[in-house]
Amino acid sequence: MNKRTAIIFGATGLIGNLLLEELLRSEEYLTIKIFIRQPVEISNNKIEEFVVDFSNPETYLPAIQGDDLFICLGTTIKKAGSIKKMKEIDCDIPVIIATAAVTNGVKKLAIVSSIGAAPGSSNYYLRIKGEMEQEILKLNLENIAIVRPAMLLGERKEKRTGEIAGKIVMKVFHPLLLGKMKKYRAIQAGDVAKAMIVILQKNTGKNIYESDELQKQAQEYK
């Protein structure tokens, strides 16, 4: 395989940061473009850093050029401040980014969604993620991987109280989630990152990957 250029949005988040670490170690990628709000403290000649204002997409959309696009953007209602702002970050901006990437010739996209995402959901978070998926799948792009992790395991830079409690509960119920329920098992954020890389190294088509399938894909990572 020719040396590839990866593009990451959300490289400072839990999944995105671990994804960046894996891509830096990978021999498949020569260049990694990261689009971030604040500079990162990583010195590596593979990285091309773009510090951007996500609310002004016209200033950075032309730079979204490369082979594989990874979108790991997401927020919480507490951090966003409103459902409207959360929709902008979790749905509108990712769709704008992906649309520009298609125009710029990017061939493959992997994007983080959530287990239970559905545009008709009564839960605002799952509804927003579902609307995002709906728009992403409309894109004129042959290779799209929508990944739906269950509860993420790993150390975030910011603490989320509800998530901490959820992890404790999941440890208790994890062995009981069998068969069709396996997709609800908590998953290491690092495994999600590895699965995204593995999936884009294949000819994926347009697919949605539930959490249990992500776990299987991660096991193929080398």
N, C-alpha and C. Protein backbone atom coordinates (compact mmCIF):
# COMPACT_ATOMS: atom_id res chain seq x y z
N MET A 1 0.84 -1.20 0.00
CA MET A 1 0.00 0.00 0.00
C MET A 1 0.88 1.26 0.00
N ASN A 2 0.49 2.25 -0.82
CA ASN A 2 1.22 3.51 -0.81
C ASN A 2 1.02 4.21 0.54
N LYS A 3 2.01 5.01 0.91
CA LYS A 3 1.90 5.76 2.16
C LYS A 3 0.69 6.69 2.06
N ARG A 4 -0.11 6.71 3.12
CA ARG A 4 -1.38 7.41 3.07
C ARG A 4 -1.37 8.65 3.95
N THR A 5 -2.34 9.53 3.69
CA THR A 5 -2.55 10.71 4.52
C THR A 5 -3.86 10.54 5.27
N ALA A 6 -3.78 10.60 6.58
CA ALA A 6 -4.98 10.52 7.43
C ALA A 6 -5.36 11.93 7.88
N ILE A 7 -6.65 12.12 8.09
CA ILE A 7 -7.18 13.39 8.57
C ILE A 7 -8.01 13.09 9.80
N ILE A 8 -7.74 13.79 10.89
CA ILE A 8 -8.49 13.56 12.13
C ILE A 8 -9.16 14.84 12.61
N PHE A 9 -10.44 14.76 12.87
CA PHE A 9 -11.16 15.79 13.60
C PHE A 9 -11.54 15.20 14.95
N GLY A 10 -11.16 15.89 16.01
CA GLY A 10 -11.42 15.37 17.36
C GLY A 10 -10.22 14.64 17.93
N ALA A 11 -9.02 15.05 17.54
CA ALA A 11 -7.80 14.35 17.95
C ALA A 11 -7.45 14.54 19.41
N THR A 12 -8.13 15.43 20.11
CA THR A 12 -7.85 15.64 21.54
C THR A 12 -8.85 14.95 22.44
N GLY A 13 -9.88 14.32 21.85
CA GLY A 13 -10.87 13.60 22.64
C GLY A 13 -10.37 12.20 22.99
N LEU A 14 -11.20 11.44 23.69
CA LEU A 14 -10.79 10.13 24.17
C LEU A 14 -10.44 9.19 23.03
N ILE A 15 -11.34 8.99 22.08
CA ILE A 15 -11.05 8.11 20.95
C ILE A 15 -10.04 8.75 20.01
N GLY A 16 -10.24 10.02 19.69
CA GLY A 16 -9.38 10.69 18.72
C GLY A 16 -7.92 10.73 19.13
N ASN A 17 -7.65 10.92 20.42
CA ASN A 17 -6.27 10.96 20.90
C ASN A 17 -5.60 9.61 20.78
N LEU A 18 -6.33 8.55 21.10
CA LEU A 18 -5.78 7.20 20.97
C LEU A 18 -5.62 6.81 19.50
N LEU A 19 -6.52 7.29 18.67
CA LEU A 19 -6.41 7.07 17.23
C LEU A 19 -5.15 7.73 16.69
N LEU A 20 -4.90 8.96 17.12
CA LEU A 20 -3.70 9.68 16.69
C LEU A 20 -2.45 8.90 17.09
N GLU A 21 -2.41 8.39 18.29
CA GLU A 21 -1.25 7.63 18.75
C GLU A 21 -1.01 6.40 17.88
N GLU A 22 -2.07 5.71 17.52
CA GLU A 22 -1.94 4.51 16.68
C GLU A 22 -1.47 4.88 15.27
N LEU A 23 -2.00 5.94 14.72
CA LEU A 23 -1.61 6.36 13.37
C LEU A 23 -0.16 6.83 13.32
N LEU A 24 0.30 7.43 14.41
CA LEU A 24 1.70 7.86 14.47
C LEU A 24 2.64 6.66 14.46
N ARG A 25 2.18 5.56 15.04
CA ARG A 25 2.99 4.34 15.06
C ARG A 25 2.88 3.54 13.75
N SER A 26 1.84 3.77 13.02
CA SER A 26 1.58 2.97 11.82
C SER A 26 2.53 3.33 10.68
N GLU A 27 2.99 2.30 10.00
CA GLU A 27 3.85 2.51 8.82
C GLU A 27 3.04 2.78 7.57
N GLU A 28 1.73 2.65 7.68
CA GLU A 28 0.86 2.86 6.51
C GLU A 28 0.64 4.34 6.20
N TYR A 29 0.87 5.19 7.22
CA TYR A 29 0.55 6.61 7.07
C TYR A 29 1.80 7.47 7.13
N LEU A 30 1.97 8.29 6.10
CA LEU A 30 3.11 9.19 6.03
C LEU A 30 2.79 10.54 6.69
N THR A 31 1.52 10.97 6.53
CA THR A 31 1.11 12.28 7.03
C THR A 31 -0.20 12.14 7.80
N ILE A 32 -0.30 12.87 8.90
CA ILE A 32 -1.53 12.90 9.68
C ILE A 32 -1.92 14.35 9.90
N LYS A 33 -3.01 14.75 9.31
CA LYS A 33 -3.51 16.11 9.47
C LYS A 33 -4.51 16.12 10.62
N ILE A 34 -4.28 16.97 11.60
CA ILE A 34 -5.20 17.08 12.72
C ILE A 34 -5.78 18.50 12.77
N PHE A 35 -7.10 18.56 12.90
CA PHE A 35 -7.81 19.83 12.97
C PHE A 35 -8.33 19.99 14.38
N ILE A 36 -7.82 20.99 15.09
CA ILE A 36 -8.06 21.12 16.53
C ILE A 36 -8.30 22.58 16.91
N ARG A 37 -8.90 22.77 18.09
CA ARG A 37 -9.17 24.13 18.58
C ARG A 37 -7.95 24.76 19.24
N GLN A 38 -7.14 23.93 19.90
CA GLN A 38 -5.96 24.40 20.59
C GLN A 38 -4.76 23.54 20.18
N PRO A 39 -3.56 24.11 20.12
CA PRO A 39 -2.38 23.33 19.74
C PRO A 39 -2.16 22.15 20.69
N VAL A 40 -1.64 21.06 20.16
CA VAL A 40 -1.33 19.90 20.99
C VAL A 40 0.17 19.87 21.27
N GLU A 41 0.52 19.24 22.37
CA GLU A 41 1.94 19.19 22.76
C GLU A 41 2.57 17.89 22.28
N ILE A 42 2.51 17.68 20.97
CA ILE A 42 3.12 16.50 20.37
C ILE A 42 4.04 16.95 19.25
N SER A 43 5.29 16.54 19.34
CA SER A 43 6.25 16.88 18.29
C SER A 43 6.54 15.64 17.47
N ASN A 44 6.05 15.62 16.24
CA ASN A 44 6.25 14.48 15.36
C ASN A 44 6.17 14.97 13.92
N ASN A 45 7.15 14.58 13.10
CA ASN A 45 7.18 15.11 11.73
C ASN A 45 6.08 14.56 10.84
N LYS A 46 5.31 13.59 11.34
CA LYS A 46 4.16 13.11 10.58
C LYS A 46 2.98 14.08 10.66
N ILE A 47 2.93 14.87 11.74
CA ILE A 47 1.74 15.67 12.02
C ILE A 47 1.75 17.00 11.28
N GLU A 48 0.62 17.30 10.65
CA GLU A 48 0.33 18.64 10.14
C GLU A 48 -0.82 19.17 10.98
N GLU A 49 -0.58 20.21 11.73
CA GLU A 49 -1.55 20.71 12.70
C GLU A 49 -2.28 21.94 12.15
N PHE A 50 -3.62 21.89 12.23
CA PHE A 50 -4.45 23.02 11.81
C PHE A 50 -5.28 23.46 13.01
N VAL A 51 -4.95 24.61 13.56
CA VAL A 51 -5.72 25.16 14.68
C VAL A 51 -6.84 26.01 14.08
N VAL A 52 -8.09 25.58 14.31
CA VAL A 52 -9.21 26.19 13.59
C VAL A 52 -10.34 26.57 14.53
N ASP A 53 -11.20 27.44 14.03
CA ASP A 53 -12.46 27.78 14.68
C ASP A 53 -13.54 26.98 13.95
N PHE A 54 -14.05 25.93 14.60
CA PHE A 54 -14.99 25.04 13.94
C PHE A 54 -16.27 25.74 13.51
N SER A 55 -16.58 26.88 14.12
CA SER A 55 -17.80 27.61 13.76
C SER A 55 -17.62 28.39 12.45
N ASN A 56 -16.39 28.42 11.91
CA ASN A 56 -16.13 29.08 10.63
C ASN A 56 -15.53 28.09 9.64
N PRO A 57 -16.33 27.14 9.17
CA PRO A 57 -15.80 26.06 8.33
C PRO A 57 -15.15 26.50 7.04
N GLU A 58 -15.59 27.62 6.49
CA GLU A 58 -15.01 28.07 5.22
C GLU A 58 -13.52 28.35 5.34
N THR A 59 -13.02 28.55 6.56
CA THR A 59 -11.60 28.85 6.75
C THR A 59 -10.72 27.61 6.73
N TYR A 60 -11.32 26.42 6.90
CA TYR A 60 -10.49 25.22 6.94
C TYR A 60 -10.93 24.10 5.98
N LEU A 61 -12.10 24.20 5.39
CA LEU A 61 -12.59 23.13 4.51
C LEU A 61 -11.65 22.82 3.34
N PRO A 62 -11.01 23.82 2.71
CA PRO A 62 -10.11 23.50 1.59
C PRO A 62 -8.93 22.62 1.99
N ALA A 63 -8.56 22.64 3.28
CA ALA A 63 -7.39 21.87 3.73
C ALA A 63 -7.72 20.41 4.02
N ILE A 64 -9.00 20.05 3.95
CA ILE A 64 -9.40 18.66 4.23
C ILE A 64 -9.12 17.81 3.00
N GLN A 65 -7.87 17.47 2.82
CA GLN A 65 -7.44 16.68 1.68
C GLN A 65 -6.54 15.54 2.15
N GLY A 66 -6.75 14.37 1.59
CA GLY A 66 -5.96 13.21 1.98
C GLY A 66 -6.67 11.94 1.55
N ASP A 67 -6.37 10.85 2.22
CA ASP A 67 -6.94 9.55 1.86
C ASP A 67 -8.06 9.11 2.79
N ASP A 68 -7.78 9.11 4.09
CA ASP A 68 -8.72 8.56 5.07
C ASP A 68 -9.11 9.62 6.09
N LEU A 69 -10.41 9.86 6.21
CA LEU A 69 -10.92 10.86 7.14
C LEU A 69 -11.53 10.18 8.36
N PHE A 70 -11.08 10.61 9.54
CA PHE A 70 -11.61 10.10 10.80
C PHE A 70 -12.27 11.25 11.55
N ILE A 71 -13.56 11.13 11.82
CA ILE A 71 -14.26 12.18 12.56
C ILE A 71 -14.66 11.63 13.93
N CYS A 72 -14.10 12.22 14.97
CA CYS A 72 -14.33 11.75 16.35
C CYS A 72 -14.88 12.89 17.20
N LEU A 73 -15.65 13.77 16.61
CA LEU A 73 -16.18 14.93 17.32
C LEU A 73 -17.39 14.54 18.17
N GLY A 74 -17.50 15.18 19.30
CA GLY A 74 -18.65 14.94 20.17
C GLY A 74 -18.55 15.78 21.43
N THR A 75 -19.68 16.01 22.06
CA THR A 75 -19.68 16.82 23.28
C THR A 75 -20.78 16.32 24.21
N THR A 76 -20.97 17.00 25.30
CA THR A 76 -22.05 16.70 26.24
C THR A 76 -22.95 17.92 26.34
N ILE A 77 -24.17 17.73 26.83
CA ILE A 77 -25.08 18.86 26.97
C ILE A 77 -24.54 19.87 27.97
N LYS A 78 -23.84 19.39 28.99
CA LYS A 78 -23.26 20.28 29.99
C LYS A 78 -22.21 21.18 29.37
N LYS A 79 -21.36 20.58 28.54
CA LYS A 79 -20.28 21.35 27.91
C LYS A 79 -20.80 22.25 26.80
N ALA A 80 -21.77 21.74 26.01
CA ALA A 80 -22.30 22.51 24.89
C ALA A 80 -23.17 23.66 25.38
N GLY A 81 -23.94 23.43 26.43
CA GLY A 81 -24.78 24.48 26.97
C GLY A 81 -26.22 24.45 26.50
N SER A 82 -26.47 23.79 25.38
CA SER A 82 -27.82 23.69 24.86
C SER A 82 -27.89 22.55 23.85
N ILE A 83 -29.12 22.06 23.61
CA ILE A 83 -29.30 21.00 22.62
C ILE A 83 -28.95 21.52 21.22
N LYS A 84 -29.28 22.77 20.96
CA LYS A 84 -28.97 23.37 19.66
C LYS A 84 -27.46 23.36 19.40
N LYS A 85 -26.70 23.77 20.40
CA LYS A 85 -25.23 23.80 20.25
C LYS A 85 -24.67 22.39 20.15
N MET A 86 -25.26 21.47 20.90
CA MET A 86 -24.82 20.07 20.84
C MET A 86 -25.05 19.51 19.44
N LYS A 87 -26.19 19.81 18.84
CA LYS A 87 -26.49 19.34 17.48
C LYS A 87 -25.48 19.92 16.49
N GLU A 88 -25.09 21.16 16.71
CA GLU A 88 -24.10 21.77 15.82
C GLU A 88 -22.79 21.00 15.86
N ILE A 89 -22.35 20.61 17.06
CA ILE A 89 -21.06 19.93 17.22
C ILE A 89 -21.13 18.46 16.81
N ASP A 90 -22.21 17.79 17.18
CA ASP A 90 -22.32 16.33 16.97
C ASP A 90 -22.91 15.95 15.62
N CYS A 91 -23.57 16.89 14.96
CA CYS A 91 -24.22 16.57 13.69
C CYS A 91 -23.84 17.52 12.56
N ASP A 92 -24.13 18.79 12.73
CA ASP A 92 -23.97 19.75 11.64
C ASP A 92 -22.52 19.87 11.16
N ILE A 93 -21.60 20.07 12.10
CA ILE A 93 -20.19 20.25 11.72
C ILE A 93 -19.62 18.98 11.10
N PRO A 94 -19.85 17.79 11.67
CA PRO A 94 -19.35 16.57 11.01
C PRO A 94 -19.87 16.41 9.58
N VAL A 95 -21.13 16.74 9.35
CA VAL A 95 -21.69 16.61 7.99
C VAL A 95 -21.03 17.61 7.04
N ILE A 96 -20.80 18.82 7.52
CA ILE A 96 -20.11 19.83 6.70
C ILE A 96 -18.70 19.36 6.36
N ILE A 97 -17.99 18.83 7.35
CA ILE A 97 -16.62 18.34 7.15
C ILE A 97 -16.60 17.20 6.13
N ALA A 98 -17.49 16.22 6.31
CA ALA A 98 -17.52 15.06 5.42
C ALA A 98 -17.90 15.45 4.00
N THR A 99 -18.84 16.38 3.86
CA THR A 99 -19.25 16.84 2.54
C THR A 99 -18.09 17.50 1.82
N ALA A 100 -17.34 18.34 2.53
CA ALA A 100 -16.17 19.00 1.94
C ALA A 100 -15.11 17.98 1.56
N ALA A 101 -14.93 16.96 2.40
CA ALA A 101 -13.93 15.92 2.13
C ALA A 101 -14.24 15.20 0.83
N VAL A 102 -15.52 14.90 0.60
CA VAL A 102 -15.92 14.24 -0.65
C VAL A 102 -15.58 15.13 -1.84
N THR A 103 -15.90 16.41 -1.73
CA THR A 103 -15.60 17.38 -2.79
C THR A 103 -14.10 17.45 -3.05
N ASN A 104 -13.30 17.31 -1.99
CA ASN A 104 -11.85 17.42 -2.10
C ASN A 104 -11.17 16.11 -2.50
N GLY A 105 -11.95 15.06 -2.72
CA GLY A 105 -11.37 13.81 -3.22
C GLY A 105 -10.98 12.79 -2.18
N VAL A 106 -11.35 12.99 -0.91
CA VAL A 106 -11.08 11.98 0.12
C VAL A 106 -11.90 10.74 -0.21
N LYS A 107 -11.30 9.56 -0.06
CA LYS A 107 -11.94 8.33 -0.51
C LYS A 107 -12.64 7.54 0.59
N LYS A 108 -12.20 7.67 1.85
CA LYS A 108 -12.74 6.85 2.91
C LYS A 108 -13.03 7.68 4.16
N LEU A 109 -14.10 7.29 4.85
CA LEU A 109 -14.52 8.01 6.05
C LEU A 109 -14.92 7.03 7.14
N ALA A 110 -14.41 7.27 8.34
CA ALA A 110 -14.87 6.57 9.55
C ALA A 110 -15.31 7.64 10.54
N ILE A 111 -16.50 7.49 11.08
CA ILE A 111 -17.04 8.51 11.97
C ILE A 111 -17.66 7.86 13.20
N VAL A 112 -17.43 8.48 14.35
CA VAL A 112 -17.93 7.96 15.62
C VAL A 112 -19.35 8.44 15.85
N SER A 113 -20.24 7.49 16.10
CA SER A 113 -21.62 7.77 16.46
C SER A 113 -21.85 7.21 17.87
N SER A 114 -22.97 6.55 18.09
CA SER A 114 -23.25 5.99 19.42
C SER A 114 -24.20 4.81 19.29
N ILE A 115 -24.05 3.85 20.16
CA ILE A 115 -25.01 2.77 20.23
C ILE A 115 -26.40 3.36 20.46
N GLY A 116 -27.39 2.84 19.75
CA GLY A 116 -28.76 3.32 19.91
C GLY A 116 -29.11 4.54 19.09
N ALA A 117 -28.19 5.04 18.27
CA ALA A 117 -28.46 6.22 17.46
C ALA A 117 -29.64 5.96 16.53
N ALA A 118 -30.57 6.91 16.48
CA ALA A 118 -31.75 6.78 15.63
C ALA A 118 -32.38 8.15 15.45
N PRO A 119 -32.64 8.57 14.21
CA PRO A 119 -33.19 9.91 13.99
C PRO A 119 -34.56 10.13 14.63
N GLY A 120 -35.30 9.04 14.91
CA GLY A 120 -36.61 9.19 15.53
C GLY A 120 -36.63 8.98 17.03
N SER A 121 -35.43 8.89 17.63
CA SER A 121 -35.36 8.63 19.07
C SER A 121 -35.92 9.80 19.88
N SER A 122 -36.54 9.46 21.02
CA SER A 122 -37.03 10.50 21.93
C SER A 122 -35.90 11.08 22.78
N ASN A 123 -34.75 10.39 22.79
CA ASN A 123 -33.57 10.88 23.50
C ASN A 123 -32.82 11.84 22.59
N TYR A 124 -32.62 13.07 23.03
CA TYR A 124 -32.03 14.08 22.15
C TYR A 124 -30.64 13.69 21.66
N TYR A 125 -29.85 13.05 22.52
CA TYR A 125 -28.49 12.67 22.13
C TYR A 125 -28.52 11.62 21.03
N LEU A 126 -29.33 10.58 21.22
CA LEU A 126 -29.41 9.52 20.22
C LEU A 126 -30.07 10.02 18.93
N ARG A 127 -31.00 10.96 19.07
CA ARG A 127 -31.64 11.55 17.89
C ARG A 127 -30.63 12.35 17.07
N ILE A 128 -29.82 13.14 17.74
CA ILE A 128 -28.80 13.94 17.04
C ILE A 128 -27.81 13.04 16.31
N LYS A 129 -27.35 11.98 16.99
CA LYS A 129 -26.42 11.05 16.36
C LYS A 129 -27.09 10.34 15.17
N GLY A 130 -28.36 10.00 15.32
CA GLY A 130 -29.08 9.34 14.24
C GLY A 130 -29.25 10.25 13.03
N GLU A 131 -29.52 11.52 13.27
CA GLU A 131 -29.64 12.48 12.18
C GLU A 131 -28.30 12.65 11.47
N MET A 132 -27.23 12.65 12.25
CA MET A 132 -25.89 12.73 11.65
C MET A 132 -25.64 11.54 10.74
N GLU A 133 -25.92 10.33 11.24
CA GLU A 133 -25.72 9.13 10.44
C GLU A 133 -26.51 9.21 9.13
N GLN A 134 -27.74 9.63 9.23
CA GLN A 134 -28.63 9.73 8.08
C GLN A 134 -28.03 10.61 6.99
N GLU A 135 -27.49 11.74 7.38
CA GLU A 135 -26.90 12.67 6.41
C GLU A 135 -25.58 12.14 5.86
N ILE A 136 -24.78 11.51 6.71
CA ILE A 136 -23.49 10.97 6.27
C ILE A 136 -23.71 9.88 5.21
N LEU A 137 -24.68 9.02 5.42
CA LEU A 137 -24.93 7.91 4.49
C LEU A 137 -25.45 8.38 3.13
N LYS A 138 -25.91 9.62 3.05
CA LYS A 138 -26.37 10.17 1.77
C LYS A 138 -25.22 10.63 0.89
N LEU A 139 -24.03 10.75 1.47
CA LEU A 139 -22.89 11.29 0.73
C LEU A 139 -22.48 10.38 -0.42
N ASN A 140 -21.99 11.00 -1.47
CA ASN A 140 -21.51 10.26 -2.64
C ASN A 140 -20.09 9.77 -2.38
N LEU A 141 -20.00 8.82 -1.48
CA LEU A 141 -18.73 8.26 -1.05
C LEU A 141 -18.90 6.75 -0.89
N GLU A 142 -18.05 5.98 -1.54
CA GLU A 142 -18.22 4.52 -1.54
C GLU A 142 -17.88 3.88 -0.20
N ASN A 143 -16.91 4.44 0.51
CA ASN A 143 -16.42 3.82 1.74
C ASN A 143 -16.74 4.67 2.96
N ILE A 144 -17.78 4.28 3.68
CA ILE A 144 -18.19 4.98 4.89
C ILE A 144 -18.36 3.95 6.01
N ALA A 145 -17.69 4.20 7.12
CA ALA A 145 -17.85 3.33 8.30
C ALA A 145 -18.38 4.19 9.44
N ILE A 146 -19.59 3.90 9.86
CA ILE A 146 -20.17 4.54 11.03
C ILE A 146 -19.98 3.60 12.21
N VAL A 147 -19.27 4.05 13.23
CA VAL A 147 -19.00 3.17 14.36
C VAL A 147 -19.85 3.60 15.56
N ARG A 148 -20.47 2.60 16.17
CA ARG A 148 -21.39 2.85 17.28
C ARG A 148 -20.89 2.17 18.56
N PRO A 149 -19.93 2.75 19.23
CA PRO A 149 -19.46 2.13 20.48
C PRO A 149 -20.50 2.23 21.57
N ALA A 150 -20.48 1.24 22.48
CA ALA A 150 -21.27 1.33 23.70
C ALA A 150 -20.49 2.21 24.67
N MET A 151 -20.71 2.06 25.95
CA MET A 151 -19.99 2.89 26.92
C MET A 151 -18.48 2.73 26.75
N LEU A 152 -17.79 3.86 26.70
CA LEU A 152 -16.35 3.85 26.46
C LEU A 152 -15.57 3.71 27.77
N LEU A 153 -14.57 2.86 27.71
CA LEU A 153 -13.65 2.70 28.84
C LEU A 153 -12.34 3.39 28.48
N GLY A 154 -11.78 4.12 29.43
CA GLY A 154 -10.55 4.86 29.18
C GLY A 154 -10.55 6.13 29.99
N GLU A 155 -9.40 6.75 30.09
CA GLU A 155 -9.26 7.95 30.92
C GLU A 155 -9.45 9.21 30.08
N ARG A 156 -10.53 9.90 30.34
CA ARG A 156 -10.77 11.19 29.68
C ARG A 156 -9.98 12.29 30.39
N LYS A 157 -9.75 13.38 29.64
CA LYS A 157 -9.09 14.53 30.25
C LYS A 157 -10.05 15.25 31.19
N GLU A 158 -11.37 15.21 30.83
CA GLU A 158 -12.36 15.80 31.73
C GLU A 158 -13.18 14.69 32.35
N LYS A 159 -13.62 14.88 33.57
CA LYS A 159 -14.39 13.87 34.28
C LYS A 159 -15.88 14.02 33.96
N ARG A 160 -16.55 12.90 33.70
CA ARG A 160 -17.98 12.89 33.47
C ARG A 160 -18.60 12.00 34.55
N THR A 161 -19.28 12.62 35.50
CA THR A 161 -19.79 11.91 36.67
C THR A 161 -20.71 10.75 36.29
N GLY A 162 -21.66 11.01 35.40
CA GLY A 162 -22.59 9.96 34.98
C GLY A 162 -21.89 8.80 34.33
N GLU A 163 -20.85 9.09 33.58
CA GLU A 163 -20.11 8.04 32.89
C GLU A 163 -19.34 7.17 33.89
N ILE A 164 -18.79 7.79 34.91
CA ILE A 164 -18.06 7.04 35.94
C ILE A 164 -19.00 6.05 36.63
N ALA A 165 -20.20 6.52 36.97
CA ALA A 165 -21.19 5.64 37.60
C ALA A 165 -21.59 4.52 36.65
N GLY A 166 -21.74 4.86 35.38
CA GLY A 166 -22.12 3.87 34.39
C GLY A 166 -21.09 2.78 34.23
N LYS A 167 -19.83 3.14 34.32
CA LYS A 167 -18.75 2.15 34.20
C LYS A 167 -18.80 1.14 35.34
N ILE A 168 -19.13 1.61 36.52
CA ILE A 168 -19.24 0.71 37.67
C ILE A 168 -20.36 -0.29 37.45
N VAL A 169 -21.50 0.20 36.96
CA VAL A 169 -22.64 -0.68 36.69
C VAL A 169 -22.29 -1.69 35.60
N MET A 170 -21.60 -1.22 34.54
CA MET A 170 -21.27 -2.09 33.42
C MET A 170 -20.34 -3.23 33.84
N LYS A 171 -19.47 -2.98 34.80
CA LYS A 171 -18.57 -4.04 35.27
C LYS A 171 -19.36 -5.19 35.88
N VAL A 172 -20.48 -4.85 36.50
CA VAL A 172 -21.33 -5.86 37.13
C VAL A 172 -22.09 -6.66 36.07
N PHE A 173 -22.66 -5.95 35.09
CA PHE A 173 -23.54 -6.59 34.12
C PHE A 173 -22.83 -7.11 32.87
N HIS A 174 -21.56 -6.75 32.69
CA HIS A 174 -20.82 -7.15 31.49
C HIS A 174 -20.93 -8.65 31.18
N PRO A 175 -20.72 -9.56 32.15
CA PRO A 175 -20.78 -11.00 31.84
C PRO A 175 -22.17 -11.47 31.44
N LEU A 176 -23.20 -10.70 31.77
CA LEU A 176 -24.57 -11.10 31.50
C LEU A 176 -25.04 -10.69 30.12
N LEU A 177 -24.27 -9.85 29.45
CA LEU A 177 -24.66 -9.37 28.12
C LEU A 177 -24.16 -10.34 27.07
N LEU A 178 -25.06 -11.23 26.67
CA LEU A 178 -24.71 -12.29 25.72
C LEU A 178 -25.59 -12.21 24.48
N GLY A 179 -25.18 -12.93 23.42
CA GLY A 179 -25.98 -12.97 22.19
C GLY A 179 -26.17 -11.59 21.60
N LYS A 180 -27.43 -11.24 21.32
CA LYS A 180 -27.74 -9.94 20.73
C LYS A 180 -27.43 -8.77 21.67
N MET A 181 -27.27 -9.09 22.95
CA MET A 181 -27.00 -8.04 23.94
C MET A 181 -25.51 -7.70 24.03
N LYS A 182 -24.66 -8.46 23.34
CA LYS A 182 -23.22 -8.23 23.45
C LYS A 182 -22.82 -6.83 22.96
N LYS A 183 -23.62 -6.28 22.05
CA LYS A 183 -23.28 -4.95 21.53
C LYS A 183 -23.38 -3.87 22.61
N TYR A 184 -24.01 -4.19 23.73
CA TYR A 184 -24.14 -3.21 24.81
C TYR A 184 -22.98 -3.27 25.81
N ARG A 185 -22.07 -4.21 25.61
CA ARG A 185 -20.91 -4.29 26.50
C ARG A 185 -20.02 -3.06 26.34
N ALA A 186 -19.49 -2.57 27.45
CA ALA A 186 -18.55 -1.45 27.39
C ALA A 186 -17.33 -1.86 26.57
N ILE A 187 -16.70 -0.88 25.95
CA ILE A 187 -15.56 -1.15 25.07
C ILE A 187 -14.44 -0.15 25.34
N GLN A 188 -13.22 -0.62 25.28
CA GLN A 188 -12.08 0.28 25.44
C GLN A 188 -12.02 1.26 24.27
N ALA A 189 -11.81 2.53 24.57
CA ALA A 189 -11.72 3.54 23.53
C ALA A 189 -10.59 3.22 22.55
N GLY A 190 -9.52 2.64 23.06
CA GLY A 190 -8.40 2.26 22.20
C GLY A 190 -8.80 1.20 21.19
N ASP A 191 -9.72 0.31 21.57
CA ASP A 191 -10.19 -0.72 20.63
C ASP A 191 -11.06 -0.10 19.54
N VAL A 192 -11.81 0.94 19.89
CA VAL A 192 -12.60 1.64 18.87
C VAL A 192 -11.66 2.28 17.84
N ALA A 193 -10.61 2.92 18.33
CA ALA A 193 -9.63 3.54 17.45
C ALA A 193 -8.98 2.51 16.52
N LYS A 194 -8.57 1.39 17.08
CA LYS A 194 -7.94 0.33 16.28
C LYS A 194 -8.92 -0.21 15.24
N ALA A 195 -10.17 -0.40 15.65
CA ALA A 195 -11.18 -0.92 14.72
C ALA A 195 -11.39 0.03 13.55
N MET A 196 -11.40 1.32 13.81
CA MET A 196 -11.59 2.31 12.73
C MET A 196 -10.48 2.20 11.70
N ILE A 197 -9.26 2.01 12.17
CA ILE A 197 -8.12 1.88 11.26
C ILE A 197 -8.24 0.61 10.43
N VAL A 198 -8.55 -0.50 11.10
CA VAL A 198 -8.69 -1.78 10.40
C VAL A 198 -9.78 -1.71 9.35
N ILE A 199 -10.91 -1.13 9.71
CA ILE A 199 -12.04 -1.05 8.79
C ILE A 199 -11.69 -0.25 7.53
N LEU A 200 -11.00 0.87 7.71
CA LEU A 200 -10.67 1.69 6.54
C LEU A 200 -9.56 1.09 5.70
N GLN A 201 -8.85 0.11 6.21
CA GLN A 201 -7.85 -0.57 5.40
C GLN A 201 -8.50 -1.61 4.48
N LYS A 202 -9.79 -1.84 4.70
CA LYS A 202 -10.55 -2.76 3.87
C LYS A 202 -11.42 -1.96 2.90
N ASN A 203 -12.01 -2.65 1.95
CA ASN A 203 -12.98 -2.01 1.06
C ASN A 203 -14.34 -2.12 1.75
N THR A 204 -14.73 -1.12 2.49
CA THR A 204 -15.84 -1.26 3.43
C THR A 204 -17.23 -1.14 2.81
N GLY A 205 -17.40 -0.32 1.78
CA GLY A 205 -18.75 0.05 1.37
C GLY A 205 -19.32 1.02 2.40
N LYS A 206 -20.64 1.05 2.53
CA LYS A 206 -21.29 1.89 3.53
C LYS A 206 -21.86 0.98 4.61
N ASN A 207 -21.26 1.01 5.80
CA ASN A 207 -21.66 0.09 6.85
C ASN A 207 -21.71 0.76 8.22
N ILE A 208 -22.56 0.21 9.06
CA ILE A 208 -22.64 0.62 10.46
C ILE A 208 -22.11 -0.52 11.31
N TYR A 209 -21.19 -0.20 12.20
CA TYR A 209 -20.54 -1.21 13.05
C TYR A 209 -20.95 -1.01 14.49
N GLU A 210 -21.66 -2.00 15.03
CA GLU A 210 -22.04 -1.95 16.44
C GLU A 210 -20.82 -2.29 17.31
N SER A 211 -20.96 -2.10 18.59
CA SER A 211 -19.83 -2.19 19.51
C SER A 211 -19.18 -3.57 19.54
N ASP A 212 -19.99 -4.64 19.47
CA ASP A 212 -19.41 -5.97 19.50
C ASP A 212 -18.60 -6.27 18.23
N GLU A 213 -19.06 -5.71 17.10
CA GLU A 213 -18.30 -5.88 15.84
C GLU A 213 -17.01 -5.07 15.89
N LEU A 214 -17.03 -3.93 16.52
CA LEU A 214 -15.81 -3.13 16.68
C LEU A 214 -14.77 -3.91 17.47
N GLN A 215 -15.24 -4.63 18.49
CA GLN A 215 -14.32 -5.43 19.29
C GLN A 215 -13.64 -6.49 18.43
N LYS A 216 -14.40 -7.12 17.54
CA LYS A 216 -13.84 -8.13 16.64
C LYS A 216 -12.83 -7.51 15.67
N GLN A 217 -13.19 -6.35 15.12
CA GLN A 217 -12.30 -5.67 14.19
C GLN A 217 -10.99 -5.28 14.85
N ALA A 218 -11.08 -4.83 16.11
CA ALA A 218 -9.89 -4.40 16.84
C ALA A 218 -8.90 -5.54 17.03
N GLN A 219 -9.41 -6.76 17.12
CA GLN A 219 -8.55 -7.93 17.32
C GLN A 219 -7.70 -8.23 16.08
N GLU A 220 -8.08 -7.66 14.94
CA GLU A 220 -7.31 -7.85 13.71
C GLU A 220 -6.19 -6.84 13.57
N TYR A 221 -6.17 -5.87 14.48
CA TYR A 221 -5.19 -4.79 14.36
C TYR A 221 -3.77 -5.31 14.61
N LYS A 222 -2.87 -4.86 13.76
CA LYS A 222 -1.46 -5.28 13.90
C LYS A 222 -0.58 -4.03 14.04
